[in-house]
Amino acid sequence: MEGDLFRGPHLVSGGDRAEARGILETKREIKDAARSHRADRDVAGPPRRRTPRRSRRVIAHASSAIAALNAEHHRQEKAVVGHEAQLQHAT
């Protein structure tokens, strides 16, 4: 009467009824997850599609300029250290 299943002298149980999930509920969750994934992918898109070509060129140019300025800054710092060493020696 309570839904117990006996196989010979043994009781077969498969968990609590409240925890049981039907196949339709599982299929719905899979569809929802796939739909959510597609929506996220469409919003994000690949970076090239989101950034116009001109903007990519400007970014590349700015990155190159920053790298050149960093190199020049490093060169100037080395010169300062050299001048400070000469000043120390002269003093």
C-alpha atoms as a PDB file:
ATOM      1  CA  MET A   1       0.000   0.000   0.000  1.00  0.00           C
ATOM      2  CA  GLU A   2       2.883   2.405   0.724  1.00  0.00           C
ATOM      3  CA  GLY A   3       4.652   1.587  -2.521  1.00  0.00           C
ATOM      4  CA  ASP A   4       7.193  -0.859  -1.103  1.00  0.00           C
ATOM      5  CA  LEU A   5       8.598  -3.300  -3.612  1.00  0.00           C
ATOM      6  CA  PHE A   6       9.676  -6.765  -2.571  1.00  0.00           C
ATOM      7  CA  ARG A   7      11.920  -8.995  -4.609  1.00  0.00           C
ATOM      8  CA  GLY A   8      11.759 -12.355  -2.942  1.00  0.00           C
ATOM      9  CA  PRO A   9      12.336 -11.824   0.791  1.00  0.00           C
ATOM     10  CA  HIS A  10      14.166  -8.476   0.226  1.00  0.00           C
ATOM     11  CA  LEU A  11      12.735  -4.956   0.311  1.00  0.00           C
ATOM     12  CA  VAL A  12      13.815  -2.799  -2.666  1.00  0.00           C
ATOM     13  CA  SER A  13      13.775   0.936  -2.095  1.00  0.00           C
ATOM     14  CA  GLY A  14      14.928   3.794  -4.287  1.00  0.00           C
ATOM     15  CA  GLY A  15      14.928   6.806  -2.009  1.00  0.00           C
ATOM     16  CA  ASP A  16      12.385   9.226  -0.726  1.00  0.00           C
ATOM     17  CA  ARG A  17       9.453  10.128  -2.944  1.00  0.00           C
ATOM     18  CA  ALA A  18      10.097  13.839  -2.374  1.00  0.00           C
ATOM     19  CA  GLU A  19      13.561  13.438  -3.911  1.00  0.00           C
ATOM     20  CA  ALA A  20      12.318  11.593  -6.971  1.00  0.00           C
ATOM     21  CA  ARG A  21      12.543  13.531 -10.230  1.00  0.00           C
ATOM     22  CA  GLY A  22      10.682  12.717 -13.335  1.00  0.00           C
ATOM     23  CA  ILE A  23      12.249  12.485 -16.753  1.00  0.00           C
ATOM     24  CA  LEU A  24      10.233  15.469 -17.970  1.00  0.00           C
ATOM     25  CA  GLU A  25      11.570  17.671 -15.173  1.00  0.00           C
ATOM     26  CA  THR A  26      15.127  16.633 -16.003  1.00  0.00           C
ATOM     27  CA  LYS A  27      14.601  17.299 -19.722  1.00  0.00           C
ATOM     28  CA  ARG A  28      13.177  20.736 -18.924  1.00  0.00           C
ATOM     29  CA  GLU A  29      16.208  21.593 -16.777  1.00  0.00           C
ATOM     30  CA  ILE A  30      18.535  20.525 -19.604  1.00  0.00           C
ATOM     31  CA  LYS A  31      16.637  22.664 -22.117  1.00  0.00           C
ATOM     32  CA  ASP A  32      16.701  25.658 -19.747  1.00  0.00           C
ATOM     33  CA  ALA A  33      20.440  25.276 -19.207  1.00  0.00           C
ATOM     34  CA  ALA A  34      21.072  25.028 -22.974  1.00  0.00           C
ATOM     35  CA  ARG A  35      18.903  28.095 -23.633  1.00  0.00           C
ATOM     36  CA  SER A  36      20.734  30.065 -20.941  1.00  0.00           C
ATOM     37  CA  HIS A  37      24.093  29.021 -22.382  1.00  0.00           C
ATOM     38  CA  ARG A  38      23.098  30.131 -25.891  1.00  0.00           C
ATOM     39  CA  ALA A  39      21.859  33.480 -24.574  1.00  0.00           C
ATOM     40  CA  ASP A  40      25.105  34.085 -22.672  1.00  0.00           C
ATOM     41  CA  ARG A  41      27.177  33.118 -25.711  1.00  0.00           C
ATOM     42  CA  ASP A  42      25.176  35.452 -27.975  1.00  0.00           C
ATOM     43  CA  VAL A  43      25.601  38.388 -25.587  1.00  0.00           C
ATOM     44  CA  ALA A  44      29.343  37.867 -25.137  1.00  0.00           C
ATOM     45  CA  GLY A  45      30.246  36.826 -28.665  1.00  0.00           C
ATOM     46  CA  PRO A  46      33.828  36.578 -29.818  1.00  0.00           C
ATOM     47  CA  PRO A  47      35.973  39.652 -29.057  1.00  0.00           C
ATOM     48  CA  ARG A  48      36.513  40.515 -32.726  1.00  0.00           C
ATOM     49  CA  ARG A  49      32.790  40.777 -33.309  1.00  0.00           C
ATOM     50  CA  ARG A  50      32.347  43.102 -30.330  1.00  0.00           C
ATOM     51  CA  THR A  51      35.293  45.416 -31.124  1.00  0.00           C
ATOM     52  CA  PRO A  52      35.239  47.275 -34.438  1.00  0.00           C
ATOM     53  CA  ARG A  53      38.331  46.997 -36.650  1.00  0.00           C
ATOM     54  CA  ARG A  54      39.260  50.666 -36.174  1.00  0.00           C
ATOM     55  CA  SER A  55      39.123  50.301 -32.399  1.00  0.00           C
ATOM     56  CA  ARG A  56      41.385  47.243 -32.579  1.00  0.00           C
ATOM     57  CA  ARG A  57      43.916  49.293 -34.568  1.00  0.00           C
ATOM     58  CA  VAL A  58      43.772  52.146 -32.041  1.00  0.00           C
ATOM     59  CA  ILE A  59      44.242  49.665 -29.180  1.00  0.00           C
ATOM     60  CA  ALA A  60      47.204  48.024 -30.944  1.00  0.00           C
ATOM     61  CA  HIS A  61      48.795  51.420 -31.619  1.00  0.00           C
ATOM     62  CA  ALA A  62      48.291  52.554 -28.011  1.00  0.00           C
ATOM     63  CA  SER A  63      49.738  49.284 -26.695  1.00  0.00           C
ATOM     64  CA  SER A  64      52.792  49.729 -28.907  1.00  0.00           C
ATOM     65  CA  ALA A  65      53.242  53.312 -27.729  1.00  0.00           C
ATOM     66  CA  ILE A  66      52.962  52.247 -24.090  1.00  0.00           C
ATOM     67  CA  ALA A  67      55.605  49.548 -24.617  1.00  0.00           C
ATOM     68  CA  ALA A  68      57.946  52.104 -26.220  1.00  0.00           C
ATOM     69  CA  LEU A  69      57.406  54.555 -23.356  1.00  0.00           C
ATOM     70  CA  ASN A  70      58.091  51.830 -20.796  1.00  0.00           C
ATOM     71  CA  ALA A  71      61.362  50.987 -22.573  1.00  0.00           C
ATOM     72  CA  GLU A  72      62.361  54.671 -22.639  1.00  0.00           C
ATOM     73  CA  HIS A  73      61.458  55.039 -18.958  1.00  0.00           C
ATOM     74  CA  HIS A  74      63.678  52.074 -18.118  1.00  0.00           C
ATOM     75  CA  ARG A  75      66.546  53.570 -20.155  1.00  0.00           C
ATOM     76  CA  GLN A  76      66.167  56.911 -18.339  1.00  0.00           C
ATOM     77  CA  GLU A  77      66.135  55.195 -14.930  1.00  0.00           C
ATOM     78  CA  LYS A  78      69.393  53.427 -15.806  1.00  0.00           C
ATOM     79  CA  ALA A  79      70.918  56.786 -16.786  1.00  0.00           C
ATOM     80  CA  VAL A  80      69.821  58.335 -13.472  1.00  0.00           C
ATOM     81  CA  VAL A  81      71.431  55.491 -11.536  1.00  0.00           C
ATOM     82  CA  GLY A  82      74.626  55.978 -13.538  1.00  0.00           C
ATOM     83  CA  HIS A  83      74.661  59.739 -12.873  1.00  0.00           C
ATOM     84  CA  GLU A  84      74.029  59.189  -9.173  1.00  0.00           C
ATOM     85  CA  ALA A  85      76.973  56.755  -9.073  1.00  0.00           C
ATOM     86  CA  GLN A  86      79.216  59.336 -10.765  1.00  0.00           C
ATOM     87  CA  LEU A  87      78.058  62.021  -8.313  1.00  0.00           C
ATOM     88  CA  GLN A  88      78.766  59.720  -5.369  1.00  0.00           C
ATOM     89  CA  HIS A  89      82.221  59.000  -6.767  1.00  0.00           C
ATOM     90  CA  ALA A  90      82.949  62.673  -7.364  1.00  0.00           C
ATOM     91  CA  THR A  91      81.863  63.654  -3.880  1.00  0.00           C
END
